[in-house]
Protein backbone atom coordinates (compact mmCIF):
# COMPACT_ATOMS: atom_id res chain seq x y z
CA MET A 1 26.38 3.08 5.32
CA PRO A 2 28.50 0.24 4.48
CA GLU A 3 28.78 -1.30 1.29
CA ILE A 4 26.47 -3.95 0.71
CA PHE A 5 28.24 -5.60 -2.06
CA PRO A 6 31.80 -6.55 -1.86
CA GLU A 7 34.60 -5.54 -4.28
CA PRO A 8 34.29 -8.31 -6.76
CA ILE A 9 30.57 -7.47 -7.37
CA ARG A 10 31.23 -3.82 -7.50
CA ASN A 11 34.04 -4.52 -10.29
CA LEU A 12 31.18 -6.14 -12.51
CA PRO A 13 29.83 -3.90 -15.08
CA GLN A 14 27.06 -1.72 -14.25
CA ALA A 15 23.50 -2.55 -15.97
CA ASP A 16 21.73 0.16 -17.78
CA VAL A 17 18.65 0.00 -15.57
CA GLN A 18 16.21 2.82 -16.48
CA LEU A 19 15.17 3.59 -12.80
CA GLU A 20 16.43 6.75 -10.85
CA GLY A 21 18.39 6.01 -7.87
CA VAL A 22 19.32 2.43 -8.69
CA LYS A 23 22.80 0.97 -8.90
CA ALA A 24 22.78 -2.32 -10.68
CA TYR A 25 25.84 -4.80 -11.25
CA LEU A 26 25.69 -7.25 -14.20
CA SER A 27 26.93 -10.83 -14.18
CA GLN A 28 26.38 -11.91 -17.89
CA SER A 29 26.24 -15.67 -19.09
CA GLU A 30 25.31 -16.98 -22.33
CA ASN A 31 21.71 -17.37 -21.63
CA HIS A 32 20.89 -15.51 -18.41
CA GLN A 33 21.70 -12.58 -16.22
CA ILE A 34 22.11 -12.09 -12.72
CA LEU A 35 21.88 -8.43 -11.34
CA PHE A 36 23.15 -7.17 -7.89
CA MET A 37 20.78 -3.94 -7.16
CA GLU A 38 20.78 -1.52 -4.87
CA PHE A 39 18.13 1.24 -4.57
CA ALA A 40 18.73 4.79 -2.99
CA LYS A 41 15.17 6.30 -3.65
CA ASN A 42 11.70 4.83 -3.46
CA VAL A 43 10.82 3.74 -6.96
CA GLU A 44 7.56 2.58 -8.96
CA VAL A 45 7.90 0.06 -11.53
CA PRO A 46 5.11 0.09 -14.02
CA GLU A 47 3.06 -3.21 -15.15
CA HIS A 48 5.07 -5.39 -17.47
CA SER A 49 6.27 -9.02 -18.38
CA HIS A 50 9.46 -10.74 -19.84
CA GLU A 51 11.06 -14.09 -19.14
CA SER A 52 11.13 -15.55 -15.47
CA GLN A 53 12.70 -14.10 -12.69
CA TRP A 54 13.72 -15.25 -9.32
CA GLY A 55 15.08 -12.89 -6.39
CA ILE A 56 16.27 -12.84 -3.11
CA VAL A 57 16.08 -9.85 -0.86
CA LEU A 58 19.01 -8.81 1.07
CA GLU A 59 18.03 -5.44 2.58
CA GLY A 60 14.85 -3.37 2.68
CA ARG A 61 11.03 -3.72 1.26
CA ILE A 62 9.58 -4.49 -1.77
CA ASP A 63 6.04 -4.61 -2.73
CA LEU A 64 4.94 -6.63 -5.93
CA VAL A 65 1.92 -7.32 -7.90
CA ILE A 66 2.40 -10.59 -9.38
CA ASP A 67 -0.66 -11.43 -11.74
CA GLY A 68 -2.83 -8.96 -9.77
CA VAL A 69 -2.08 -10.16 -6.34
CA LYS A 70 0.12 -7.92 -3.92
CA TYR A 71 2.84 -9.28 -2.14
CA ARG A 72 5.37 -7.56 0.53
CA TYR A 73 8.83 -8.92 0.53
CA SER A 74 11.75 -8.25 3.07
CA ARG A 75 15.19 -9.37 4.04
CA GLY A 76 15.48 -13.08 3.53
CA ASP A 77 12.42 -13.43 1.36
CA ARG A 78 12.47 -14.98 -2.30
CA TYR A 79 10.28 -14.28 -5.05
CA PHE A 80 9.75 -15.84 -8.39
CA ILE A 81 7.85 -14.35 -11.45
CA PRO A 82 6.81 -16.95 -14.36
CA GLN A 83 7.63 -16.18 -17.71
CA GLY A 84 5.02 -13.69 -19.31
CA THR A 85 3.31 -12.95 -16.01
CA LYS A 86 2.32 -9.28 -15.62
CA HIS A 87 3.89 -7.62 -12.55
CA SER A 88 4.95 -4.17 -11.00
CA ALA A 89 6.51 -3.00 -7.81
CA THR A 90 7.11 -0.49 -5.63
CA ILE A 91 10.69 -0.60 -4.41
CA TYR A 92 11.64 1.26 -1.19
CA ALA A 93 14.91 3.30 -0.50
CA GLY A 94 17.53 1.00 1.02
CA TYR A 95 16.36 -2.04 -0.78
CA ALA A 96 19.03 -4.56 -2.29
CA ASP A 97 18.58 -7.74 -3.99
CA ILE A 98 20.30 -10.30 -6.28
CA THR A 99 17.74 -10.84 -9.13
CA PHE A 100 18.34 -13.70 -11.64
CA PHE A 101 16.65 -13.22 -14.83
CA ASN A 102 16.11 -16.25 -17.49
CA GLN A 103 17.02 -14.14 -20.39
CA LYS A 104 20.62 -13.34 -21.49
CA ASP A 105 19.64 -9.73 -22.96
CA ARG A 106 17.12 -8.42 -20.39
CA TYR A 107 19.79 -5.52 -19.62
CA SER A 108 22.59 -4.03 -21.47
CA THR A 109 25.73 -2.59 -19.82
CA ARG A 110 25.76 1.03 -18.92
CA HIS A 111 28.23 3.31 -21.15
């Protein structure tokens, strides 16, 4: 399978995302983070909340439950999760996205 992200993205530091089978490249700013993520395995993300999050699906499929409502997103779809809103997800192998977190310290770099 060809690389989803070009070399400049793959040269970014990897984010320490505690999910099996995920590779995430971290673009860090003073007040937010952008992650470029790809998933090699199906993953269940338990319900949680944090600062606002916006994403665009590049490949594959994700099921998001946002504030109790289930949504299915696939290639080309965008989603938004407002600050403090409880959400969970089922992410399927082959999924890739770009996610903006309105939070400067959502993830740290992998060491």
